[in-house]
N, C-alpha and C. Protein backbone atom coordinates (compact mmCIF):
# COMPACT_ATOMS: atom_id res chain seq x y z
N MET A 1 0.81 -1.17 0.00
CA MET A 1 -0.05 0.03 -0.01
C MET A 1 0.85 1.20 0.00
N LEU A 2 1.90 1.25 0.85
CA LEU A 2 2.78 2.34 0.88
C LEU A 2 3.58 2.56 -0.38
N LYS A 3 3.95 1.52 -1.09
CA LYS A 3 4.60 1.61 -2.38
C LYS A 3 3.72 2.21 -3.39
N LYS A 4 2.38 1.85 -3.48
CA LYS A 4 1.46 2.51 -4.45
C LYS A 4 1.39 3.97 -4.14
N LYS A 5 1.27 4.33 -2.87
CA LYS A 5 1.14 5.75 -2.59
C LYS A 5 2.39 6.53 -3.00
N LEU A 6 3.54 5.90 -2.88
CA LEU A 6 4.82 6.47 -3.27
C LEU A 6 4.79 6.75 -4.81
N ILE A 7 4.30 5.85 -5.56
CA ILE A 7 4.23 5.95 -6.99
C ILE A 7 3.26 7.13 -7.36
N HIS A 8 2.16 7.15 -6.70
CA HIS A 8 1.22 8.31 -6.92
C HIS A 8 1.89 9.67 -6.56
N VAL A 9 2.51 9.67 -5.40
CA VAL A 9 3.23 10.97 -5.03
C VAL A 9 4.31 11.22 -6.06
N ALA A 10 5.03 10.35 -6.44
CA ALA A 10 6.07 10.56 -7.45
C ALA A 10 5.47 11.21 -8.74
N ALA A 11 4.42 10.65 -9.25
CA ALA A 11 3.71 11.09 -10.48
C ALA A 11 3.23 12.53 -10.22
N ILE A 12 2.55 12.83 -9.12
CA ILE A 12 2.06 14.19 -8.90
C ILE A 12 3.23 15.13 -8.71
N GLY A 13 4.22 14.75 -7.93
CA GLY A 13 5.40 15.56 -7.80
C GLY A 13 6.11 15.92 -9.09
N TYR A 14 6.21 14.85 -9.95
CA TYR A 14 6.86 15.09 -11.27
C TYR A 14 5.99 16.11 -12.05
N VAL A 15 4.70 15.97 -12.09
CA VAL A 15 3.85 16.93 -12.83
C VAL A 15 4.07 18.35 -12.30
N ILE A 16 4.17 18.54 -11.02
CA ILE A 16 4.39 19.85 -10.38
C ILE A 16 5.74 20.39 -10.78
N LEU A 17 6.74 19.58 -10.59
CA LEU A 17 8.11 20.02 -11.04
C LEU A 17 8.27 20.33 -12.45
N LEU A 18 7.54 19.55 -13.35
CA LEU A 18 7.62 19.84 -14.79
C LEU A 18 6.92 21.15 -15.14
N ALA A 19 5.84 21.46 -14.39
CA ALA A 19 5.18 22.68 -14.58
C ALA A 19 6.00 23.93 -14.14
N ILE A 20 6.57 23.72 -12.95
CA ILE A 20 7.41 24.78 -12.38
C ILE A 20 8.66 24.98 -13.40
N GLY A 21 9.32 23.95 -13.75
CA GLY A 21 10.50 24.00 -14.60
C GLY A 21 10.14 24.60 -15.96
N SER A 22 8.92 24.37 -16.49
CA SER A 22 8.56 24.85 -17.78
C SER A 22 8.16 26.37 -17.72
N LEU A 23 7.72 26.81 -16.54
CA LEU A 23 7.25 28.21 -16.52
C LEU A 23 8.17 29.17 -15.79
N ALA A 24 9.15 28.60 -15.02
CA ALA A 24 9.99 29.50 -14.26
C ALA A 24 11.04 30.08 -15.23
N LYS A 25 11.53 31.28 -14.82
CA LYS A 25 12.60 31.93 -15.59
C LYS A 25 13.94 31.24 -15.31
N ILE A 26 14.63 30.91 -16.39
CA ILE A 26 15.86 30.31 -16.21
C ILE A 26 16.91 31.00 -17.09
N ASN A 27 18.12 30.94 -16.58
CA ASN A 27 19.26 31.43 -17.45
C ASN A 27 19.91 30.17 -17.98
N HIS A 28 19.65 29.86 -19.20
CA HIS A 28 20.10 28.59 -19.82
C HIS A 28 21.51 28.67 -20.21
N GLN A 29 22.42 28.05 -19.53
CA GLN A 29 23.78 27.85 -19.87
C GLN A 29 24.11 26.38 -19.97
N SER A 30 24.01 25.83 -21.20
CA SER A 30 24.19 24.46 -21.37
C SER A 30 25.67 24.00 -21.08
N THR A 31 25.81 22.97 -20.36
CA THR A 31 27.21 22.48 -20.18
C THR A 31 27.66 21.55 -21.18
N PHE A 32 26.75 21.20 -22.04
CA PHE A 32 27.09 20.37 -23.14
C PHE A 32 26.79 20.99 -24.48
N ASP A 33 27.58 20.80 -25.48
CA ASP A 33 27.36 21.38 -26.79
C ASP A 33 26.69 20.39 -27.60
N ILE A 34 25.45 20.12 -27.47
CA ILE A 34 24.66 19.10 -28.17
C ILE A 34 23.61 19.82 -28.99
N LYS A 35 23.55 19.53 -30.33
CA LYS A 35 22.50 20.06 -31.17
C LYS A 35 21.19 19.52 -30.74
N TYR A 36 20.19 20.37 -30.61
CA TYR A 36 18.83 20.05 -30.31
C TYR A 36 18.76 19.54 -28.81
N GLU A 37 19.60 19.96 -27.93
CA GLU A 37 19.62 19.51 -26.57
C GLU A 37 18.30 19.82 -25.94
N ASP A 38 17.72 21.00 -26.23
CA ASP A 38 16.40 21.32 -25.63
C ASP A 38 15.30 20.33 -26.05
N LYS A 39 15.33 19.95 -27.27
CA LYS A 39 14.27 19.01 -27.81
C LYS A 39 14.53 17.64 -27.20
N ILE A 40 15.75 17.27 -26.98
CA ILE A 40 16.01 15.96 -26.34
C ILE A 40 15.56 15.96 -24.92
N VAL A 41 15.69 17.06 -24.24
CA VAL A 41 15.22 17.21 -22.84
C VAL A 41 13.67 17.08 -22.87
N HIS A 42 13.02 17.73 -23.83
CA HIS A 42 11.49 17.67 -23.84
C HIS A 42 11.13 16.27 -24.16
N PHE A 43 11.76 15.57 -25.04
CA PHE A 43 11.39 14.23 -25.41
C PHE A 43 11.44 13.33 -24.21
N LEU A 44 12.57 13.38 -23.50
CA LEU A 44 12.83 12.50 -22.29
C LEU A 44 11.88 12.84 -21.19
N ALA A 45 11.66 14.19 -20.94
CA ALA A 45 10.83 14.65 -19.83
C ALA A 45 9.29 14.18 -20.07
N TYR A 46 8.86 14.26 -21.23
CA TYR A 46 7.46 13.85 -21.51
C TYR A 46 7.29 12.36 -21.63
N ALA A 47 8.34 11.66 -22.00
CA ALA A 47 8.26 10.22 -21.97
C ALA A 47 8.15 9.74 -20.45
N MET A 48 8.97 10.38 -19.67
CA MET A 48 8.88 10.03 -18.19
C MET A 48 7.57 10.39 -17.58
N LEU A 49 6.99 11.57 -17.95
CA LEU A 49 5.71 11.99 -17.45
C LEU A 49 4.68 10.86 -17.91
N CYS A 50 4.68 10.50 -19.08
CA CYS A 50 3.71 9.49 -19.56
C CYS A 50 3.89 8.20 -18.80
N PHE A 51 5.10 7.75 -18.54
CA PHE A 51 5.35 6.59 -17.83
C PHE A 51 4.86 6.62 -16.35
N LEU A 52 5.11 7.82 -15.67
CA LEU A 52 4.71 7.91 -14.28
C LEU A 52 3.20 7.99 -14.17
N VAL A 53 2.53 8.72 -15.05
CA VAL A 53 1.08 8.88 -15.07
C VAL A 53 0.38 7.54 -15.34
N PHE A 54 1.00 6.83 -16.26
CA PHE A 54 0.50 5.43 -16.55
C PHE A 54 0.52 4.53 -15.30
N LEU A 55 1.75 4.56 -14.65
CA LEU A 55 1.84 3.75 -13.47
C LEU A 55 0.85 4.06 -12.41
N SER A 56 0.71 5.36 -12.23
CA SER A 56 -0.24 5.85 -11.21
C SER A 56 -1.71 5.41 -11.51
N LEU A 57 -2.15 5.67 -12.78
CA LEU A 57 -3.47 5.35 -13.15
C LEU A 57 -3.65 3.81 -13.18
N TYR A 58 -2.68 3.02 -13.61
CA TYR A 58 -2.78 1.59 -13.64
C TYR A 58 -2.97 0.99 -12.24
N LEU A 59 -2.19 1.59 -11.31
CA LEU A 59 -2.24 1.12 -9.92
C LEU A 59 -3.57 1.44 -9.26
N LYS A 60 -4.20 2.55 -9.74
CA LYS A 60 -5.54 2.88 -9.28
C LYS A 60 -6.66 2.01 -9.91
N GLY A 61 -6.32 1.12 -10.78
CA GLY A 61 -7.25 0.19 -11.48
C GLY A 61 -8.02 0.84 -12.56
N ILE A 62 -7.53 1.92 -13.10
CA ILE A 62 -8.29 2.66 -14.21
C ILE A 62 -8.04 1.89 -15.59
N ASN A 63 -9.14 1.60 -16.19
CA ASN A 63 -9.02 0.87 -17.45
C ASN A 63 -8.49 1.97 -18.52
N LYS A 64 -7.82 1.48 -19.50
CA LYS A 64 -7.20 2.35 -20.56
C LYS A 64 -6.32 3.36 -19.92
N SER A 65 -5.60 2.94 -18.99
CA SER A 65 -4.69 3.86 -18.24
C SER A 65 -3.53 4.42 -19.11
N LEU A 66 -3.06 3.61 -20.10
CA LEU A 66 -2.06 4.02 -21.06
C LEU A 66 -2.66 5.12 -21.97
N THR A 67 -3.85 4.96 -22.42
CA THR A 67 -4.43 5.95 -23.33
C THR A 67 -4.65 7.29 -22.56
N TYR A 68 -5.18 7.12 -21.32
CA TYR A 68 -5.41 8.38 -20.51
C TYR A 68 -4.04 9.06 -20.16
N ALA A 69 -3.06 8.24 -19.88
CA ALA A 69 -1.75 8.86 -19.52
C ALA A 69 -1.22 9.65 -20.76
N ALA A 70 -1.32 9.02 -21.92
CA ALA A 70 -0.80 9.61 -23.17
C ALA A 70 -1.61 10.95 -23.44
N LEU A 71 -2.97 10.90 -23.26
CA LEU A 71 -3.75 12.08 -23.47
C LEU A 71 -3.44 13.16 -22.52
N PHE A 72 -3.36 12.81 -21.28
CA PHE A 72 -3.05 13.73 -20.27
C PHE A 72 -1.68 14.45 -20.51
N SER A 73 -0.67 13.65 -20.85
CA SER A 73 0.64 14.17 -21.09
C SER A 73 0.73 15.12 -22.32
N ILE A 74 0.05 14.73 -23.37
CA ILE A 74 0.01 15.62 -24.64
C ILE A 74 -0.77 16.92 -24.28
N ILE A 75 -1.86 16.85 -23.60
CA ILE A 75 -2.61 18.03 -23.31
C ILE A 75 -1.84 18.99 -22.29
N PHE A 76 -1.26 18.36 -21.31
CA PHE A 76 -0.37 19.04 -20.30
C PHE A 76 0.68 19.82 -21.07
N GLY A 77 1.37 19.08 -22.00
CA GLY A 77 2.43 19.77 -22.70
C GLY A 77 1.98 21.01 -23.46
N ILE A 78 0.89 20.81 -24.15
CA ILE A 78 0.29 21.89 -24.95
C ILE A 78 -0.07 23.02 -24.07
N ILE A 79 -0.73 22.87 -22.94
CA ILE A 79 -1.18 23.84 -22.07
C ILE A 79 0.09 24.62 -21.51
N LEU A 80 1.12 23.87 -21.21
CA LEU A 80 2.40 24.61 -20.76
C LEU A 80 3.05 25.45 -21.79
N GLU A 81 2.96 24.95 -23.01
CA GLU A 81 3.56 25.76 -24.11
C GLU A 81 2.62 26.98 -24.30
N LEU A 82 1.34 26.86 -24.21
CA LEU A 82 0.48 28.05 -24.30
C LEU A 82 0.72 29.03 -23.19
N LEU A 83 0.99 28.58 -21.99
CA LEU A 83 1.22 29.46 -20.89
C LEU A 83 2.55 30.14 -21.11
N GLN A 84 3.57 29.45 -21.67
CA GLN A 84 4.84 30.02 -21.94
C GLN A 84 4.69 31.21 -22.91
N SER A 85 3.75 31.14 -23.89
CA SER A 85 3.47 32.16 -24.84
C SER A 85 2.90 33.40 -24.19
N LEU A 86 2.26 33.22 -23.10
CA LEU A 86 1.62 34.37 -22.27
C LEU A 86 2.65 35.05 -21.42
N THR A 87 3.77 34.36 -21.21
CA THR A 87 4.84 34.96 -20.32
C THR A 87 6.12 35.19 -21.24
N PRO A 88 6.02 36.14 -22.16
CA PRO A 88 7.14 36.19 -23.15
C PRO A 88 8.49 36.72 -22.54
N HIS A 89 8.46 37.33 -21.35
CA HIS A 89 9.69 37.86 -20.78
C HIS A 89 10.56 36.72 -20.06
N THR A 90 9.85 35.64 -19.74
CA THR A 90 10.53 34.56 -19.02
C THR A 90 10.86 33.32 -19.87
N ARG A 91 9.95 32.97 -20.66
CA ARG A 91 10.10 31.77 -21.51
C ARG A 91 9.58 31.92 -22.86
N VAL A 92 10.09 31.13 -23.82
CA VAL A 92 9.70 31.21 -25.23
C VAL A 92 8.90 29.96 -25.59
N SER A 93 7.74 30.06 -26.16
CA SER A 93 6.93 29.00 -26.59
C SER A 93 7.35 28.60 -27.97
N GLU A 94 7.59 27.25 -28.19
CA GLU A 94 8.06 26.83 -29.52
C GLU A 94 7.20 25.63 -30.01
N GLY A 95 6.70 25.64 -31.16
CA GLY A 95 5.90 24.53 -31.69
C GLY A 95 6.72 23.27 -31.69
N LEU A 96 8.01 23.32 -31.96
CA LEU A 96 8.84 22.10 -31.98
C LEU A 96 8.93 21.55 -30.65
N ASP A 97 8.78 22.22 -29.54
CA ASP A 97 8.82 21.69 -28.24
C ASP A 97 7.51 20.68 -28.10
N VAL A 98 6.40 21.10 -28.57
CA VAL A 98 5.20 20.24 -28.57
C VAL A 98 5.46 19.04 -29.38
N VAL A 99 6.12 19.14 -30.52
CA VAL A 99 6.46 17.96 -31.35
C VAL A 99 7.40 17.01 -30.57
N ALA A 100 8.46 17.58 -29.89
CA ALA A 100 9.37 16.69 -29.13
C ALA A 100 8.59 16.09 -27.91
N ASN A 101 7.68 16.81 -27.31
CA ASN A 101 6.95 16.31 -26.23
C ASN A 101 6.12 15.07 -26.69
N THR A 102 5.40 15.30 -27.76
CA THR A 102 4.55 14.29 -28.29
C THR A 102 5.23 13.04 -28.77
N LEU A 103 6.39 13.25 -29.42
CA LEU A 103 7.22 12.10 -29.86
C LEU A 103 7.68 11.29 -28.67
N GLY A 104 8.13 11.97 -27.60
CA GLY A 104 8.61 11.25 -26.39
C GLY A 104 7.41 10.43 -25.85
N ILE A 105 6.21 11.00 -25.75
CA ILE A 105 5.02 10.31 -25.25
C ILE A 105 4.65 9.10 -26.12
N LEU A 106 4.73 9.34 -27.45
CA LEU A 106 4.36 8.24 -28.40
C LEU A 106 5.33 7.09 -28.32
N VAL A 107 6.64 7.37 -28.10
CA VAL A 107 7.66 6.38 -28.00
C VAL A 107 7.43 5.55 -26.67
N MET A 108 7.08 6.27 -25.59
CA MET A 108 6.76 5.66 -24.29
C MET A 108 5.49 4.74 -24.49
N VAL A 109 4.49 5.28 -25.14
CA VAL A 109 3.34 4.40 -25.42
C VAL A 109 3.60 3.19 -26.13
N ALA A 110 4.45 3.27 -27.14
CA ALA A 110 4.80 2.11 -28.01
C ALA A 110 5.58 1.10 -27.16
N PHE A 111 6.53 1.69 -26.28
CA PHE A 111 7.36 0.78 -25.40
C PHE A 111 6.44 0.14 -24.44
N LEU A 112 5.54 0.82 -23.71
CA LEU A 112 4.74 0.25 -22.76
C LEU A 112 3.66 -0.69 -23.31
N SER A 113 3.18 -0.46 -24.57
CA SER A 113 2.31 -1.40 -25.21
C SER A 113 3.07 -2.67 -25.50
N TRP A 114 4.30 -2.53 -25.83
CA TRP A 114 5.16 -3.68 -26.09
C TRP A 114 5.45 -4.50 -24.95
N LYS A 115 5.85 -3.85 -23.74
CA LYS A 115 6.31 -4.52 -22.66
C LYS A 115 5.41 -4.46 -21.40
N LYS A 116 4.09 -4.08 -21.68
CA LYS A 116 3.10 -3.87 -20.63
C LYS A 116 2.99 -5.19 -19.69
N GLN A 117 2.92 -6.39 -20.27
CA GLN A 117 2.73 -7.58 -19.52
C GLN A 117 3.91 -7.83 -18.57
N THR A 118 5.12 -7.63 -19.15
CA THR A 118 6.33 -7.78 -18.25
C THR A 118 6.32 -6.74 -17.15
N LEU A 119 6.02 -5.53 -17.45
CA LEU A 119 6.02 -4.42 -16.42
C LEU A 119 4.92 -4.74 -15.40
N VAL A 120 3.71 -5.20 -15.88
CA VAL A 120 2.69 -5.48 -14.90
C VAL A 120 3.12 -6.64 -13.86
N LYS A 121 3.75 -7.64 -14.43
CA LYS A 121 4.30 -8.76 -13.57
C LYS A 121 5.22 -8.25 -12.58
N LYS A 122 6.16 -7.36 -13.05
CA LYS A 122 7.16 -6.82 -12.10
C LYS A 122 6.52 -5.90 -11.12
N LEU A 123 5.56 -5.16 -11.47
CA LEU A 123 4.83 -4.27 -10.54
C LEU A 123 4.17 -5.13 -9.40
N GLN A 124 3.56 -6.18 -9.82
CA GLN A 124 2.79 -7.04 -8.94
C GLN A 124 3.82 -7.64 -7.88
N THR A 125 4.99 -8.02 -8.28
CA THR A 125 5.94 -8.55 -7.30
C THR A 125 6.47 -7.46 -6.47
N PHE A 126 6.61 -6.18 -7.04
CA PHE A 126 7.15 -5.12 -6.23
C PHE A 126 6.12 -4.63 -5.21
N MET A 127 4.83 -4.73 -5.51
CA MET A 127 3.79 -4.22 -4.54
C MET A 127 3.57 -5.25 -3.53
């Protein structure tokens, strides 16, 4: 029971941290010189969001938890990008960020669809 709550708290905490990180003013000084670093971060962040939301919904016994996790993640990403466009002095809204977010989510959905049975068995032994 405690482990389930921990996963729910992790999912909610990640949503909050992602929102704060997306809307807060930052001075971006990359330590790496990687082309499209920002898009890679978006891809990974939203893949992780989809994964955590899926786990949380699945453990709550919600049918179609993967579909709902994907929809939530995509809509959440779009809303954050729209909010960034309303705060032009702190952050910049980019359409390619939404594309990177969505690609990360879709890759996670494909992975979870492929490995869902294995993941479910491991979750059952973990819980």
